[in-house]
Amino acid sequence: MRTDDIVYDFWWASFERNYSAPLFRIAAEAGGARRLYEMDKKALLSIKGISEGYAEEILKYRRLSDPFEEYERCNKLGIRFIPYYSREYPERLRKTPYHPFAIFVKGQVPDDDRKSVALIGARSCSEYGKKVAEGFGRELALAGVSVVSGMAYGIDGISQYSCLRAGGDSYGILGCGVNICYPEANRRLYELLEEKGGLISEYGLDTKPKACLFPARNRIISALCDLVVVIEAKERSGTSITVDMALEQGKDVAIVPGRIYDPLSTGCLSLWKQGAFPVCGVEDILAILSQTAPVREGGRSEKEKAGARNYETSEGKRKKEEGEGARKREEKKREEKSRERDTLIHKLSSKEQRMLNALDTNPRGIEGLCDETGLSLLEAMDALMELKVKKLAKELGKDSFVRVL
């Protein structure tokens, strides 16, 4: 391979498309991305799968884009271009059928020798789902497990942010160019992922987010983890695409059980009936992970094995002790917080206690709360106000109240 061949691979991987094009096959039939770049229209049309319209798109792209200038811009932006043949390309991903021709990375890529979990679920999650996502993200970080997700609203972003805040590492897989933050509301998370984990995309710089690009991105999420955990999901949602990809890749899938009448639990309960593992805490997740095989079992050199043994007996031991210490401190803080909460609840007035008992993690309206508690409208509003001040209740919107766990 010539030293500048990577620039032409960069050019081909950056070709913006509205579908997952067979980049591998087309480049292979052309004799490489450099040859593809040099072809005229007639030569392009001789390649199976390239129609006249597709050939015109490639020629137009070549006229408008200078590979060397764009490659230099990529480097200046601090973005690494990692083609499939690079040693930096994650082994988890390389083993996956239909893996990307290349990936664009800000920050780091997940360590193949470290356990990794994908925490995914509904964008419009409930307070319960939010609580679970925060807890799982934090506790997995303390256990030394990486968290992979899509940096989306709801469960994805909440779990990743919680993991990073606890000192863990997390990786956001994007359905757009890695230099674009989407959704913009997650800008702070985007910055933290670059700093403490990584942002990864198979799409070239400046590729705008489109609905048609996200399903393909989901296969990367499942490929880069050892276990997919669905925290909340409706029966039919984008989460099911990630689950299907994971099953095709031979990955384990787990769910958080929910209530049978909750629309955000129907997807989880359906997966449970199909054989997914039910998990009720991070201990269950760690138990499943302990049964998964190493990514590179049997594929290490003696030098790598020796390095791994040394890590496990020195650095690994130190990190394990630090993680156990942080976990104990976290448990102590939770116990103290729980005692304070119990004391606060014990001191509630009878009206406030009735209102708290009527509240749930699913939003409830004031009329239903009045009917259940027997309080007048004014009494109910006063009780809700007191519970909100004491951080035992929360108002999500107009006439929408939930209990804070």
Protein backbone atom coordinates (compact mmCIF):
# COMPACT_ATOMS: atom_id res chain seq x y z
CA MET A 1 0.00 0.00 0.00
CA ARG A 2 1.29 3.46 -0.89
CA THR A 3 1.59 5.93 2.00
CA ASP A 4 -1.06 8.28 0.62
CA ASP A 5 -3.61 5.51 -0.06
CA ILE A 6 -5.21 6.31 3.30
CA VAL A 7 -6.16 9.75 1.92
CA TYR A 8 -8.17 8.12 -0.87
CA ASP A 9 -9.73 5.72 1.63
CA PHE A 10 -10.68 8.83 3.63
CA TRP A 11 -12.20 10.35 0.49
CA TRP A 12 -14.27 7.24 -0.20
CA ALA A 13 -15.39 6.80 3.42
CA SER A 14 -16.47 10.47 3.48
CA PHE A 15 -18.77 10.10 0.48
CA GLU A 16 -22.10 11.33 1.82
CA ARG A 17 -24.93 8.95 1.07
CA ASN A 18 -28.52 8.45 2.12
CA TYR A 19 -28.10 4.74 2.76
CA SER A 20 -25.45 2.26 3.86
CA ALA A 21 -23.62 1.87 0.56
CA PRO A 22 -21.50 -1.26 -0.04
CA LEU A 23 -18.23 0.66 0.31
CA PHE A 24 -16.11 -2.47 0.81
CA ARG A 25 -17.32 -4.27 -2.29
CA ILE A 26 -17.20 -1.29 -4.62
CA ALA A 27 -13.68 -0.32 -3.50
CA ALA A 28 -12.53 -3.95 -3.82
CA GLU A 29 -13.95 -4.32 -7.35
CA ALA A 30 -12.30 -1.05 -8.37
CA GLY A 31 -8.94 -2.23 -7.02
CA GLY A 32 -8.96 0.24 -4.13
CA ALA A 33 -10.25 3.73 -3.35
CA ARG A 34 -7.38 5.37 -5.28
CA ARG A 35 -8.34 3.52 -8.45
CA LEU A 36 -11.96 4.41 -7.85
CA TYR A 37 -11.02 8.08 -7.55
CA GLU A 38 -9.17 7.95 -10.88
CA MET A 39 -11.94 6.20 -12.86
CA ASP A 40 -13.98 7.90 -15.56
CA LYS A 41 -17.72 7.38 -15.90
CA LYS A 42 -17.41 4.40 -18.22
CA ALA A 43 -15.10 2.59 -15.81
CA LEU A 44 -17.38 3.36 -12.87
CA LEU A 45 -20.40 1.92 -14.70
CA SER A 46 -18.51 -1.34 -15.21
CA ILE A 47 -18.61 -1.95 -11.45
CA LYS A 48 -21.58 -3.99 -10.25
CA GLY A 49 -23.98 -1.87 -8.18
CA ILE A 50 -23.00 1.50 -9.65
CA SER A 51 -25.87 2.93 -11.67
CA GLU A 52 -25.58 5.94 -13.96
CA GLY A 53 -26.98 8.20 -11.25
CA TYR A 54 -24.59 6.80 -8.66
CA ALA A 55 -21.65 7.28 -11.04
CA GLU A 56 -22.68 10.92 -11.56
CA GLU A 57 -22.79 11.42 -7.77
CA ILE A 58 -19.26 10.03 -7.40
CA LEU A 59 -17.92 12.22 -10.22
CA LYS A 60 -19.60 15.31 -8.78
CA TYR A 61 -18.20 14.51 -5.33
CA ARG A 62 -14.71 14.19 -6.85
CA ARG A 63 -14.99 17.58 -8.58
CA LEU A 64 -16.15 19.37 -5.42
CA SER A 65 -13.84 17.72 -2.89
CA ASP A 66 -10.04 17.71 -2.62
CA PRO A 67 -9.11 14.56 -0.62
CA PHE A 68 -5.82 15.97 0.68
CA GLU A 69 -7.34 19.27 1.84
CA GLU A 70 -10.21 17.48 3.59
CA TYR A 71 -7.85 14.96 5.20
CA GLU A 72 -5.74 17.81 6.54
CA ARG A 73 -8.86 19.57 7.85
CA CYS A 74 -9.86 16.38 9.62
CA ASN A 75 -6.48 16.22 11.36
CA LYS A 76 -6.63 19.90 12.35
CA LEU A 77 -10.04 19.33 13.95
CA GLY A 78 -8.50 16.63 16.12
CA ILE A 79 -10.50 13.89 14.41
CA ARG A 80 -8.83 10.55 13.74
CA PHE A 81 -9.65 8.61 10.61
CA ILE A 82 -9.40 4.88 11.34
CA PRO A 83 -9.91 2.52 8.34
CA TYR A 84 -10.84 -1.14 8.86
CA TYR A 85 -7.25 -2.36 8.33
CA SER A 86 -5.77 -0.07 11.02
CA ARG A 87 -4.51 -1.54 14.30
CA GLU A 88 -6.57 1.14 16.06
CA TYR A 89 -9.81 -0.23 14.59
CA PRO A 90 -11.73 -1.87 17.47
CA GLU A 91 -11.52 -5.65 17.32
CA ARG A 92 -15.14 -5.94 18.52
CA LEU A 93 -16.20 -3.99 15.45
CA ARG A 94 -13.89 -5.80 13.04
CA LYS A 95 -15.44 -9.15 14.03
CA THR A 96 -18.92 -7.89 13.17
CA PRO A 97 -20.46 -8.67 9.76
CA TYR A 98 -21.00 -5.53 7.67
CA HIS A 99 -18.65 -3.49 9.83
CA PRO A 100 -17.87 0.06 8.64
CA PHE A 101 -15.24 0.68 5.99
CA ALA A 102 -13.77 3.21 8.42
CA ILE A 103 -14.67 5.23 11.50
CA PHE A 104 -14.11 8.88 12.41
CA VAL A 105 -13.18 9.42 16.05
CA LYS A 106 -12.96 12.35 18.48
CA GLY A 107 -11.36 11.17 21.69
CA GLN A 108 -10.72 7.46 22.11
CA VAL A 109 -12.20 4.13 21.01
CA PRO A 110 -13.35 1.53 23.57
CA ASP A 111 -10.66 -0.77 24.93
CA ASP A 112 -11.21 -4.27 23.51
CA ASP A 113 -9.98 -5.82 26.75
CA ARG A 114 -12.46 -3.97 28.95
CA LYS A 115 -16.08 -4.97 29.52
CA SER A 116 -18.60 -2.69 27.87
CA VAL A 117 -22.39 -2.30 28.13
CA ALA A 118 -24.84 -0.48 25.86
CA LEU A 119 -27.53 1.30 27.91
CA ILE A 120 -30.38 2.24 25.59
CA GLY A 121 -34.05 3.14 25.73
CA ALA A 122 -36.80 5.66 25.17
CA ARG A 123 -36.09 9.29 24.37
CA SER A 124 -39.24 10.39 26.22
CA CYS A 125 -38.46 8.37 29.32
CA SER A 126 -40.32 8.40 32.63
CA GLU A 127 -38.92 9.62 35.95
CA TYR A 128 -38.44 5.95 36.82
CA GLY A 129 -36.47 5.31 33.63
CA LYS A 130 -34.35 8.38 34.30
CA LYS A 131 -33.58 7.14 37.81
CA VAL A 132 -32.57 3.70 36.55
CA ALA A 133 -30.41 5.15 33.76
CA GLU A 134 -28.62 7.43 36.22
CA GLY A 135 -28.06 4.59 38.67
CA PHE A 136 -26.84 2.07 36.09
CA GLY A 137 -24.52 4.60 34.42
CA ARG A 138 -22.98 5.61 37.74
CA GLU A 139 -22.61 2.10 39.17
CA LEU A 140 -21.17 0.62 35.97
CA ALA A 141 -18.56 3.40 35.99
CA LEU A 142 -17.64 2.51 39.58
CA ALA A 143 -17.38 -1.15 38.56
CA GLY A 144 -14.93 -0.23 35.76
CA VAL A 145 -17.36 -1.04 32.92
CA SER A 146 -17.57 1.23 29.86
CA VAL A 147 -20.95 2.55 28.71
CA VAL A 148 -21.78 2.78 25.00
CA SER A 149 -24.87 4.54 23.63
CA GLY A 150 -26.19 6.94 21.02
CA MET A 151 -25.96 10.28 22.88
CA ALA A 152 -29.69 10.75 22.24
CA TYR A 153 -32.30 12.42 24.43
CA GLY A 154 -33.61 10.36 27.32
CA ILE A 155 -32.12 7.06 28.49
CA ASP A 156 -29.04 7.16 26.21
CA GLY A 157 -27.79 10.58 27.18
CA ILE A 158 -28.77 10.31 30.86
CA SER A 159 -26.88 7.04 31.37
CA GLN A 160 -23.78 8.33 29.57
CA TYR A 161 -23.72 11.61 31.48
CA SER A 162 -24.10 9.74 34.78
CA CYS A 163 -21.25 7.38 33.86
CA LEU A 164 -18.91 10.26 33.01
CA ARG A 165 -19.79 12.19 36.17
CA ALA A 166 -18.86 9.11 38.22
CA GLY A 167 -15.41 9.04 36.61
CA GLY A 168 -16.12 6.29 34.08
CA ASP A 169 -15.59 6.28 30.34
CA SER A 170 -18.38 6.34 27.78
CA TYR A 171 -18.60 6.34 23.99
CA GLY A 172 -21.21 8.09 21.86
CA ILE A 173 -22.01 6.56 18.47
CA LEU A 174 -23.40 9.21 16.14
CA GLY A 175 -25.73 9.10 13.15
CA CYS A 176 -24.05 12.16 11.63
CA GLY A 177 -20.56 13.58 11.13
CA VAL A 178 -18.46 13.34 14.27
CA ASN A 179 -17.86 17.11 14.14
CA ILE A 180 -21.60 17.74 14.55
CA CYS A 181 -23.30 17.70 17.95
CA TYR A 182 -26.76 16.15 17.67
CA PRO A 183 -28.97 16.80 19.47
CA GLU A 184 -27.63 20.27 20.22
CA ALA A 185 -29.24 20.15 23.66
CA ASN A 186 -26.64 17.51 24.57
CA ARG A 187 -23.71 19.84 23.82
CA ARG A 188 -22.23 19.45 27.32
CA LEU A 189 -22.42 15.66 27.03
CA TYR A 190 -20.77 15.85 23.60
CA GLU A 191 -17.86 17.81 25.09
CA LEU A 192 -17.50 15.43 28.04
CA LEU A 193 -17.51 12.39 25.74
CA GLU A 194 -14.67 13.87 23.69
CA GLU A 195 -12.72 14.66 26.86
CA LYS A 196 -13.32 11.49 28.90
CA GLY A 197 -14.37 8.88 26.37
CA GLY A 198 -15.00 9.09 22.67
CA LEU A 199 -17.31 10.12 19.82
CA ILE A 200 -17.49 7.70 16.90
CA SER A 201 -19.18 7.81 13.49
CA GLU A 202 -18.87 5.99 10.19
CA TYR A 203 -20.05 9.12 8.36
CA GLY A 204 -17.74 11.79 6.97
CA LEU A 205 -17.21 15.29 8.30
CA ASP A 206 -20.21 17.66 8.09
CA THR A 207 -22.70 14.83 7.37
CA LYS A 208 -25.96 16.14 8.77
CA PRO A 209 -28.19 13.91 10.91
CA LYS A 210 -30.88 12.16 8.87
CA ALA A 211 -33.41 9.57 10.00
CA CYS A 212 -32.14 7.10 7.40
CA LEU A 213 -28.60 7.12 8.87
CA PHE A 214 -29.49 6.11 12.43
CA PRO A 215 -30.52 2.45 11.91
CA ALA A 216 -27.07 1.62 10.47
CA ARG A 217 -25.38 3.44 13.35
CA ASN A 218 -27.19 1.16 15.81
CA ARG A 219 -25.20 -1.87 14.61
CA ILE A 220 -22.03 -0.09 15.81
CA ILE A 221 -23.54 0.49 19.26
CA SER A 222 -24.30 -3.22 19.66
CA ALA A 223 -20.97 -4.27 18.12
CA LEU A 224 -18.90 -2.24 20.59
CA CYS A 225 -20.47 -3.77 23.70
CA ASP A 226 -20.63 -7.15 25.41
CA LEU A 227 -24.22 -6.70 26.55
CA VAL A 228 -27.20 -4.53 25.47
CA VAL A 229 -29.46 -3.38 28.32
CA VAL A 230 -32.86 -1.89 27.43
CA ILE A 231 -34.11 0.28 30.30
CA GLU A 232 -37.41 1.52 28.84
CA ALA A 233 -38.91 1.04 25.40
CA LYS A 234 -42.24 0.98 23.62
CA GLU A 235 -43.29 -2.05 21.59
CA ARG A 236 -42.10 -0.52 18.32
CA SER A 237 -39.17 1.87 18.57
CA GLY A 238 -35.64 2.55 17.40
CA THR A 239 -34.45 0.53 20.39
CA SER A 240 -35.75 -2.64 18.73
CA ILE A 241 -33.37 -2.05 15.80
CA THR A 242 -30.36 -2.06 18.13
CA VAL A 243 -31.67 -5.21 19.82
CA ASP A 244 -32.12 -6.98 16.46
CA MET A 245 -28.57 -5.99 15.47
CA ALA A 246 -27.22 -7.27 18.79
CA LEU A 247 -28.95 -10.65 18.37
CA GLU A 248 -27.60 -10.98 14.83
CA GLN A 249 -24.12 -10.31 16.22
CA GLY A 250 -24.56 -12.96 18.93
CA LYS A 251 -24.67 -10.45 21.79
CA ASP A 252 -26.66 -10.91 24.98
CA VAL A 253 -29.67 -8.66 25.59
CA ALA A 254 -31.10 -7.71 28.99
CA ILE A 255 -34.12 -5.64 30.02
CA VAL A 256 -35.37 -3.79 33.07
CA PRO A 257 -38.83 -5.23 33.94
CA GLY A 258 -41.62 -2.67 34.10
CA ARG A 259 -45.35 -2.53 34.75
CA ILE A 260 -47.62 -4.34 32.31
CA TYR A 261 -49.85 -1.30 31.65
CA ASP A 262 -46.99 1.15 31.15
CA PRO A 263 -46.45 1.87 27.40
CA LEU A 264 -42.74 2.45 28.12
CA SER A 265 -42.44 -1.11 29.46
CA THR A 266 -44.18 -3.00 26.64
CA GLY A 267 -40.98 -3.27 24.58
CA CYS A 268 -38.99 -4.57 27.57
CA LEU A 269 -41.65 -7.09 28.57
CA SER A 270 -41.93 -8.35 25.00
CA LEU A 271 -38.15 -8.90 24.86
CA TRP A 272 -38.31 -10.69 28.22
CA LYS A 273 -40.85 -13.16 26.78
CA GLN A 274 -38.47 -13.72 23.85
CA GLY A 275 -35.61 -14.70 26.16
CA ALA A 276 -33.89 -11.47 27.22
CA PHE A 277 -32.31 -11.47 30.69
CA PRO A 278 -34.27 -9.49 33.32
CA VAL A 279 -31.96 -7.25 35.40
CA CYS A 280 -32.97 -5.48 38.60
CA GLY A 281 -29.63 -3.90 39.42
CA VAL A 282 -26.03 -3.54 38.30
CA GLU A 283 -25.16 -6.75 40.19
CA ASP A 284 -27.30 -8.66 37.66
CA ILE A 285 -25.51 -6.94 34.77
CA LEU A 286 -22.07 -7.78 36.19
CA ALA A 287 -23.14 -11.40 36.64
CA ILE A 288 -24.05 -11.64 32.94
CA LEU A 289 -20.80 -9.92 31.93
CA SER A 290 -18.76 -12.41 33.96
CA GLN A 291 -19.98 -15.13 31.59
CA THR A 292 -19.04 -13.34 28.33
CA ALA A 293 -15.83 -14.36 26.59
CA PRO A 294 -12.90 -11.95 26.10
CA VAL A 295 -12.92 -10.12 22.78
CA ARG A 296 -9.50 -11.35 21.73
CA GLU A 297 -9.42 -14.79 23.39
CA GLY A 298 -6.57 -16.81 21.90
CA GLY A 299 -5.55 -13.97 19.59
CA ARG A 300 -2.94 -12.24 21.72
CA SER A 301 0.78 -12.49 21.31
CA GLU A 302 2.88 -13.72 24.26
CA LYS A 303 3.98 -10.12 24.82
CA GLU A 304 0.34 -8.95 25.01
CA LYS A 305 -0.55 -11.80 27.37
CA ALA A 306 2.38 -10.92 29.62
CA GLY A 307 1.31 -7.28 29.57
CA ALA A 308 -2.23 -8.25 30.44
CA ARG A 309 -1.05 -10.41 33.35
CA ASN A 310 1.10 -7.54 34.61
CA TYR A 311 -1.85 -5.17 34.34
CA GLU A 312 -4.08 -7.57 36.25
CA THR A 313 -1.55 -7.96 39.08
CA SER A 314 -0.54 -4.31 39.45
CA GLU A 315 -2.44 -1.56 37.68
CA GLY A 316 -5.56 -3.67 37.46
CA LYS A 317 -5.42 -4.38 41.19
CA ARG A 318 -4.99 -0.70 41.97
CA LYS A 319 -7.93 0.30 39.78
CA LYS A 320 -10.07 -2.43 41.28
CA GLU A 321 -9.30 -1.19 44.80
CA GLU A 322 -10.07 2.39 43.75
CA GLY A 323 -13.36 1.26 42.21
CA GLU A 324 -14.33 -0.69 45.33
CA GLY A 325 -13.47 2.31 47.52
CA ALA A 326 -15.54 4.65 45.34
CA ARG A 327 -18.41 2.17 45.33
CA LYS A 328 -18.38 1.94 49.15
CA ARG A 329 -18.37 5.74 49.43
CA GLU A 330 -21.25 5.91 46.96
CA GLU A 331 -23.21 3.30 48.93
CA LYS A 332 -22.61 5.22 52.17
CA LYS A 333 -23.85 8.46 50.57
CA ARG A 334 -26.97 6.67 49.29
CA GLU A 335 -27.66 5.20 52.73
CA GLU A 336 -27.32 8.65 54.35
CA LYS A 337 -29.58 10.18 51.72
CA SER A 338 -32.12 7.38 52.24
CA ARG A 339 -32.16 7.97 56.01
CA GLU A 340 -32.64 11.71 55.50
CA ARG A 341 -35.50 11.01 53.09
CA ASP A 342 -37.18 8.60 55.51
CA THR A 343 -36.96 11.22 58.28
CA LEU A 344 -38.43 13.85 55.97
CA ILE A 345 -41.33 11.58 54.97
CA HIS A 346 -41.98 10.72 58.62
CA LYS A 347 -42.44 14.44 59.39
CA LEU A 348 -44.97 15.06 56.62
CA SER A 349 -48.45 16.28 57.54
CA SER A 350 -51.31 13.82 57.04
CA LYS A 351 -52.43 15.65 53.88
CA GLU A 352 -48.91 15.63 52.45
CA GLN A 353 -48.57 11.93 53.28
CA ARG A 354 -51.83 11.12 51.48
CA MET A 355 -50.70 13.08 48.45
CA LEU A 356 -47.27 11.37 48.39
CA ASN A 357 -48.93 7.94 48.56
CA ALA A 358 -51.17 8.85 45.61
CA LEU A 359 -48.28 10.02 43.44
CA ASP A 360 -46.47 7.64 41.10
CA THR A 361 -43.57 7.66 38.64
CA ASN A 362 -46.17 7.96 35.89
CA PRO A 363 -47.56 11.52 35.56
CA ARG A 364 -50.90 12.18 37.26
CA GLY A 365 -53.33 15.08 36.96
CA ILE A 366 -54.70 17.15 39.83
CA GLU A 367 -58.29 15.95 39.37
CA GLY A 368 -57.36 12.29 39.78
CA LEU A 369 -55.18 13.12 42.78
CA CYS A 370 -58.05 14.97 44.46
CA ASP A 371 -60.38 12.01 43.88
CA GLU A 372 -57.92 9.52 45.36
CA THR A 373 -56.83 11.59 48.36
CA GLY A 374 -60.19 13.16 49.18
CA LEU A 375 -58.49 16.58 49.34
CA SER A 376 -60.05 19.74 47.96
CA LEU A 377 -58.35 21.40 45.00
CA LEU A 378 -56.78 24.04 47.26
CA GLU A 379 -55.59 21.44 49.79
CA ALA A 380 -54.14 19.28 47.00
CA MET A 381 -52.25 22.21 45.47
CA ASP A 382 -50.86 23.17 48.90
CA ALA A 383 -49.74 19.58 49.55
CA LEU A 384 -48.10 19.32 46.12
CA MET A 385 -46.29 22.62 46.65
CA GLU A 386 -44.86 21.37 49.97
CA LEU A 387 -43.77 18.07 48.40
CA LYS A 388 -42.08 19.92 45.54
CA VAL A 389 -40.17 22.15 47.99
CA LYS A 390 -39.04 19.02 49.87
CA LYS A 391 -38.02 17.41 46.54
CA LEU A 392 -40.41 14.51 47.00
CA ALA A 393 -42.56 15.48 44.00
CA LYS A 394 -41.98 17.11 40.66
CA GLU A 395 -44.17 18.98 38.16
CA LEU A 396 -43.35 17.86 34.63
CA GLY A 397 -45.74 20.26 32.93
CA LYS A 398 -49.23 21.67 33.15
CA ASP A 399 -51.36 19.34 35.35
CA SER A 400 -48.66 16.65 35.34
CA PHE A 401 -47.12 15.55 38.65
CA VAL A 402 -44.85 12.63 39.56
CA ARG A 403 -43.24 11.22 42.66
CA VAL A 404 -39.46 11.64 42.91
CA LEU A 405 -37.74 8.39 43.82
